[in-house]
Protein backbone atom coordinates (compact mmCIF):
# COMPACT_ATOMS: atom_id res chain seq x y z
CA UNK A 1 30.17 -41.14 -32.46
CA UNK A 2 28.99 -37.39 -31.99
CA UNK A 3 31.46 -34.96 -30.95
CA UNK A 4 31.70 -33.45 -27.64
CA UNK A 5 30.31 -29.81 -27.63
CA UNK A 6 33.80 -28.48 -26.97
CA UNK A 7 34.84 -30.13 -30.28
CA UNK A 8 31.70 -28.82 -32.17
CA UNK A 9 32.73 -25.24 -31.20
CA UNK A 10 36.18 -25.58 -32.10
CA UNK A 11 35.40 -27.15 -35.16
CA UNK A 12 32.58 -24.43 -36.25
CA UNK A 13 35.03 -21.69 -35.13
CA UNK A 14 37.68 -22.72 -37.48
CA UNK A 15 35.22 -23.58 -40.44
CA UNK A 16 33.77 -20.08 -40.30
CA UNK A 17 37.62 -18.42 -39.69
CA UNK A 18 35.83 -16.81 -36.30
CA UNK A 19 37.34 -16.76 -32.77
CA UNK A 20 35.60 -15.89 -29.30
CA UNK A 21 35.78 -12.05 -29.09
CA UNK A 22 36.78 -11.04 -25.91
CA UNK A 23 35.40 -7.40 -26.54
CA UNK A 24 31.96 -8.95 -26.76
CA UNK A 25 32.46 -11.11 -23.97
CA UNK A 26 31.90 -14.42 -25.80
CA UNK A 27 32.04 -17.68 -24.13
CA UNK A 28 30.30 -20.47 -25.54
CA UNK A 29 28.35 -23.12 -23.70
CA UNK A 30 29.68 -26.65 -24.17
CA UNK A 31 28.19 -28.60 -21.27
CA UNK A 32 25.27 -30.62 -22.32
CA UNK A 33 23.51 -31.05 -18.63
CA UNK A 34 23.73 -27.10 -18.34
CA UNK A 35 22.08 -27.13 -21.75
CA UNK A 36 19.40 -29.12 -20.70
CA UNK A 37 19.13 -27.25 -17.17
CA UNK A 38 18.07 -24.15 -19.16
CA UNK A 39 15.75 -25.41 -21.50
CA UNK A 40 14.22 -27.43 -18.36
CA UNK A 41 13.95 -24.28 -16.58
CA UNK A 42 12.42 -22.37 -19.66
CA UNK A 43 9.02 -24.97 -19.25
CA UNK A 44 8.70 -24.73 -22.98
CA UNK A 45 6.30 -25.84 -25.18
CA UNK A 46 5.07 -26.12 -28.89
CA UNK A 47 3.05 -22.94 -28.33
CA UNK A 48 5.96 -20.91 -26.93
CA UNK A 49 7.89 -18.36 -28.95
CA UNK A 50 11.28 -17.81 -27.50
CA UNK A 51 13.50 -14.74 -27.93
CA UNK A 52 17.41 -15.89 -27.53
CA UNK A 53 19.78 -13.35 -27.09
CA UNK A 54 23.52 -14.20 -28.16
CA UNK A 55 22.90 -17.19 -29.94
CA UNK A 56 26.47 -17.33 -31.00
CA UNK A 57 26.86 -20.59 -33.09
CA UNK A 58 23.52 -22.15 -32.11
CA UNK A 59 24.13 -24.79 -29.44
CA UNK A 60 21.53 -23.82 -27.62
CA UNK A 61 19.55 -22.21 -30.37
CA UNK A 62 19.00 -25.98 -32.03
CA UNK A 63 17.84 -27.33 -28.40
CA UNK A 64 15.26 -24.63 -27.78
CA UNK A 65 14.11 -25.05 -31.29
CA UNK A 66 13.45 -28.83 -30.52
CA UNK A 67 10.96 -27.62 -27.60
CA UNK A 68 9.47 -24.49 -28.56
CA UNK A 69 6.98 -23.46 -31.47
CA UNK A 70 9.62 -20.72 -32.81
CA UNK A 71 12.87 -19.38 -31.83
CA UNK A 72 14.17 -15.63 -32.64
CA UNK A 73 17.76 -15.54 -32.02
CA UNK A 74 19.30 -12.21 -31.87
CA UNK A 75 22.92 -11.84 -32.47
CA UNK A 76 24.53 -8.63 -32.52
CA UNK A 77 27.58 -9.99 -34.17
CA UNK A 78 27.52 -9.97 -37.96
CA UNK A 79 29.96 -12.63 -38.74
CA UNK A 80 28.34 -14.76 -35.89
CA UNK A 81 24.87 -14.32 -37.28
CA UNK A 82 26.06 -15.06 -40.91
CA UNK A 83 27.62 -18.59 -39.86
CA UNK A 84 24.67 -19.14 -37.73
CA UNK A 85 22.50 -18.72 -40.67
CA UNK A 86 24.32 -21.53 -42.18
CA UNK A 87 24.54 -23.72 -39.08
CA UNK A 88 20.57 -23.84 -38.83
CA UNK A 89 19.54 -23.51 -42.30
CA UNK A 90 17.68 -26.81 -42.30
CA UNK A 91 15.52 -25.68 -38.96
CA UNK A 92 12.35 -24.09 -40.01
CA UNK A 93 11.31 -22.59 -36.73
CA UNK A 94 14.37 -20.53 -35.95
CA UNK A 95 14.88 -16.78 -37.24
CA UNK A 96 17.76 -15.10 -37.06
CA UNK A 97 17.78 -11.39 -36.43
CA UNK A 98 21.30 -9.62 -36.67
CA UNK A 99 20.82 -6.88 -34.32
CA UNK A 100 21.68 -5.39 -30.69
CA UNK A 101 18.85 -6.41 -28.68
CA UNK A 102 19.09 -3.48 -26.21
CA UNK A 103 18.18 -1.33 -29.40
CA UNK A 104 15.41 -3.23 -30.53
CA UNK A 105 11.70 -3.56 -29.10
CA UNK A 106 10.51 -7.19 -27.98
CA UNK A 107 7.46 -6.04 -29.61
CA UNK A 108 9.02 -5.40 -33.13
CA UNK A 109 10.65 -8.75 -32.89
CA UNK A 110 7.62 -10.86 -32.74
CA UNK A 111 5.67 -8.81 -34.99
CA UNK A 112 8.50 -9.64 -37.43
CA UNK A 113 7.55 -13.22 -37.06
CA UNK A 114 3.84 -12.74 -37.25
CA UNK A 115 3.18 -12.94 -33.60
CA UNK A 116 1.13 -9.91 -32.27
CA UNK A 117 -1.18 -8.94 -29.80
CA UNK A 118 -1.14 -7.89 -26.16
CA UNK A 119 -0.08 -11.22 -24.37
CA UNK A 120 1.86 -13.58 -26.40
CA UNK A 121 3.29 -15.25 -23.73
CA UNK A 122 6.92 -15.08 -24.86
CA UNK A 123 10.03 -16.20 -23.08
CA UNK A 124 13.54 -15.14 -23.04
CA UNK A 125 16.46 -17.64 -23.08
CA UNK A 126 20.20 -16.05 -22.93
CA UNK A 127 23.46 -16.86 -22.66
CA UNK A 128 24.87 -13.45 -22.41
CA UNK A 129 28.20 -11.67 -21.75
CA UNK A 130 28.28 -10.63 -18.12
CA UNK A 131 28.78 -7.14 -18.74
CA UNK A 132 25.35 -6.59 -20.15
CA UNK A 133 23.42 -8.57 -17.64
CA UNK A 134 21.84 -5.63 -16.00
CA UNK A 135 20.87 -4.02 -19.30
CA UNK A 136 19.38 -7.04 -20.43
CA UNK A 137 17.09 -7.79 -17.46
CA UNK A 138 16.36 -4.14 -17.61
CA UNK A 139 15.26 -4.13 -20.99
CA UNK A 140 12.88 -6.83 -20.83
CA UNK A 141 11.65 -6.34 -17.46
CA UNK A 142 10.36 -2.75 -18.57
CA UNK A 143 9.46 -3.47 -21.92
CA UNK A 144 6.11 -2.49 -22.98
CA UNK A 145 5.54 -6.13 -23.78
CA UNK A 146 6.88 -8.28 -21.22
CA UNK A 147 8.08 -12.02 -21.37
CA UNK A 148 6.46 -14.56 -19.07
CA UNK A 149 9.53 -16.18 -18.06
CA UNK A 150 13.30 -15.32 -18.44
CA UNK A 151 16.02 -17.83 -18.36
CA UNK A 152 19.58 -16.07 -18.25
CA UNK A 153 23.04 -17.35 -17.62
CA UNK A 154 24.42 -14.92 -15.02
CA UNK A 155 27.96 -14.65 -12.96
CA UNK A 156 27.45 -16.53 -9.67
CA UNK A 157 27.65 -13.57 -7.29
CA UNK A 158 25.25 -11.74 -9.53
CA UNK A 159 22.68 -14.46 -9.12
CA UNK A 160 23.03 -14.79 -5.62
CA UNK A 161 22.73 -10.83 -5.37
CA UNK A 162 19.12 -10.68 -7.45
CA UNK A 163 18.04 -13.87 -5.19
CA UNK A 164 18.65 -11.85 -2.11
CA UNK A 165 16.16 -11.58 0.62
CA UNK A 166 16.38 -8.30 3.12
CA UNK A 167 19.11 -8.24 5.11
CA UNK A 168 21.08 -8.31 1.74
CA UNK A 169 19.03 -6.40 -0.59
CA UNK A 170 20.52 -4.30 -3.46
CA UNK A 171 19.00 -2.29 -5.87
CA UNK A 172 19.36 -4.82 -8.76
CA UNK A 173 17.38 -6.96 -6.27
CA UNK A 174 14.80 -4.69 -5.67
CA UNK A 175 14.82 -4.17 -9.55
CA UNK A 176 14.05 -7.68 -10.42
CA UNK A 177 12.02 -8.41 -7.97
CA UNK A 178 9.64 -5.82 -8.37
CA UNK A 179 8.66 -7.31 -11.97
CA UNK A 180 9.34 -11.27 -11.05
CA UNK A 181 10.03 -14.08 -8.69
CA UNK A 182 13.71 -15.01 -9.02
CA UNK A 183 15.26 -18.18 -8.34
CA UNK A 184 18.58 -20.04 -9.39
CA UNK A 185 17.48 -23.00 -11.69
CA UNK A 186 21.28 -24.54 -11.84
CA UNK A 187 24.78 -23.96 -11.43
CA UNK A 188 27.53 -23.89 -14.25
CA UNK A 189 31.08 -23.53 -13.49
CA UNK A 190 33.66 -22.17 -15.84
CA UNK A 191 34.76 -25.41 -17.44
CA UNK A 192 31.42 -25.48 -18.67
CA UNK A 193 32.07 -22.75 -21.40
CA UNK A 194 34.73 -22.42 -24.15
CA UNK A 195 36.82 -20.42 -23.84
CA UNK A 196 36.35 -20.93 -19.81
CA UNK A 197 35.43 -17.42 -18.27
CA UNK A 198 37.47 -16.36 -14.90
CA UNK A 199 34.27 -16.97 -12.74
CA UNK A 200 31.37 -19.58 -12.09
CA UNK A 201 28.19 -19.22 -13.28
CA UNK A 202 24.27 -19.74 -12.67
CA UNK A 203 21.10 -20.11 -14.70
CA UNK A 204 18.77 -17.46 -13.12
CA UNK A 205 14.91 -18.08 -14.05
CA UNK A 206 12.71 -15.00 -13.43
CA UNK A 207 9.01 -15.73 -13.48
CA UNK A 208 7.17 -12.54 -14.28
CA UNK A 209 4.40 -11.29 -12.01
CA UNK A 210 1.26 -10.50 -13.77
CA UNK A 211 1.12 -7.39 -11.36
CA UNK A 212 3.64 -5.77 -9.26
CA UNK A 213 3.57 -7.45 -5.78
CA UNK A 214 3.43 -3.78 -4.28
CA UNK A 215 0.95 -0.97 -5.54
CA UNK A 216 2.63 2.35 -6.44
CA UNK A 217 1.09 5.17 -8.35
CA UNK A 218 4.05 5.64 -10.37
CA UNK A 219 6.72 3.07 -11.16
CA UNK A 220 9.32 5.63 -11.82
CA UNK A 221 8.58 7.24 -8.60
CA UNK A 222 8.81 3.92 -7.00
CA UNK A 223 12.69 3.40 -8.38
CA UNK A 224 13.48 6.99 -7.79
CA UNK A 225 12.65 6.42 -3.91
CA UNK A 226 14.74 3.30 -4.03
CA UNK A 227 17.61 4.84 -5.76
CA UNK A 228 17.71 7.61 -3.29
CA UNK A 229 17.66 4.93 -0.27
CA UNK A 230 20.91 3.09 -1.82
CA UNK A 231 22.62 6.11 -2.39
CA UNK A 232 24.89 5.57 0.77
CA UNK A 233 24.05 2.04 1.49
CA UNK A 234 26.29 1.72 4.55
CA UNK A 235 24.67 4.75 6.04
CA UNK A 236 21.80 4.24 8.31
CA UNK A 237 18.67 5.00 6.18
CA UNK A 238 17.86 8.43 7.49
CA UNK A 239 21.28 9.38 6.37
CA UNK A 240 21.23 7.75 3.02
CA UNK A 241 17.49 8.86 1.89
CA UNK A 242 18.40 12.55 2.84
CA UNK A 243 21.40 12.50 0.68
CA UNK A 244 19.54 10.86 -2.29
CA UNK A 245 16.60 13.22 -1.73
CA UNK A 246 18.14 16.56 -1.21
CA UNK A 247 16.51 16.72 2.45
CA UNK A 248 17.67 17.35 5.60
CA UNK A 249 18.15 14.06 7.76
CA UNK A 250 15.64 15.16 10.46
CA UNK A 251 13.06 15.45 7.48
CA UNK A 252 14.02 11.74 6.31
CA UNK A 253 13.65 10.36 9.77
CA UNK A 254 9.79 12.13 10.28
CA UNK A 255 8.96 10.27 6.89
CA UNK A 256 10.49 7.16 7.99
CA UNK A 257 9.06 7.25 11.37
CA UNK A 258 5.54 8.23 9.51
CA UNK A 259 6.04 5.11 7.35
CA UNK A 260 6.53 3.03 10.46
CA UNK A 261 10.24 2.20 9.74
CA UNK A 262 13.27 2.85 12.15
CA UNK A 263 15.44 5.53 10.67
CA UNK A 264 18.48 3.51 11.97
CA UNK A 265 18.06 0.55 9.74
CA UNK A 266 19.72 0.47 6.18
CA UNK A 267 18.75 0.41 2.38
CA UNK A 268 19.63 -3.35 2.25
CA UNK A 269 17.30 -4.82 4.95
CA UNK A 270 14.01 -3.02 3.52
CA UNK A 271 11.27 -5.29 1.30
CA UNK A 272 9.38 -3.88 -1.75
CA UNK A 273 6.39 -3.16 0.54
CA UNK A 274 8.21 -1.04 2.94
CA UNK A 275 9.68 1.00 0.05
CA UNK A 276 6.25 1.26 -1.10
CA UNK A 277 4.94 2.64 2.25
CA UNK A 278 7.82 5.21 2.36
CA UNK A 279 7.12 6.39 -1.20
CA UNK A 280 3.28 6.71 -0.20
CA UNK A 281 4.22 8.67 2.88
CA UNK A 282 6.29 10.99 0.86
CA UNK A 283 3.49 11.66 -1.67
CA UNK A 284 0.78 12.49 1.57
CA UNK A 285 3.64 14.78 2.70
CA UNK A 286 3.75 16.70 -0.74
CA UNK A 287 0.26 16.59 -1.36
């Protein structure tokens, strides 16, 4: 009879003399249903190349390798990467890279396994520590070579924030939705992990846009504007924009009115198109 995933993880940790490191936020997925939901959300085919971040002991890695053509497993923990090399030694389509993924260009990871070109259609799958959720998203969404799909495990409240609609928007929601369409593909209670974290998780799927949904001259200017607008999110937009841009509130109000946006609204109520219209109006004003 096959061992449960929890027993398998405990056995592997004991065999290799390892433990879950709190400093790295390590929690190992031990729920087969959640495992299958992650793989399903990634829509894998034998032609796909997957970059898996934080493979740990390879529970998800092995499942990915059964459905994808190639899995590049990027593990920052040297001891864990060494153990993983033994665990998956007989699986030819898994490549283990010992590295901090945040310091590694995705294009270099792909080139390292012979995948080159401008559009290899790679996918990212990650059961990552909560504290690096935003950096991981930003790293891949802003990469010169972007994935077609990202499927990552995130804290439940963070997942809800990312898929929010105008009225509950945040900088994180705007940032992710500028690059792709986020949806929640499943839920993972804390008992789905060993050791269990203190909060529940969700499976976040982000399907990247081929082109941003709004036209802006420079992406950096767009996000500078959004950051300015959220500099004091509980204030009316005329005041938060004034604070963020370092201009008088009356000038900010005039800018918003020309963009046909009520200066009394708050940043969390705006959609992406409205942010783009404010930016365009500011460019006209500067011009």
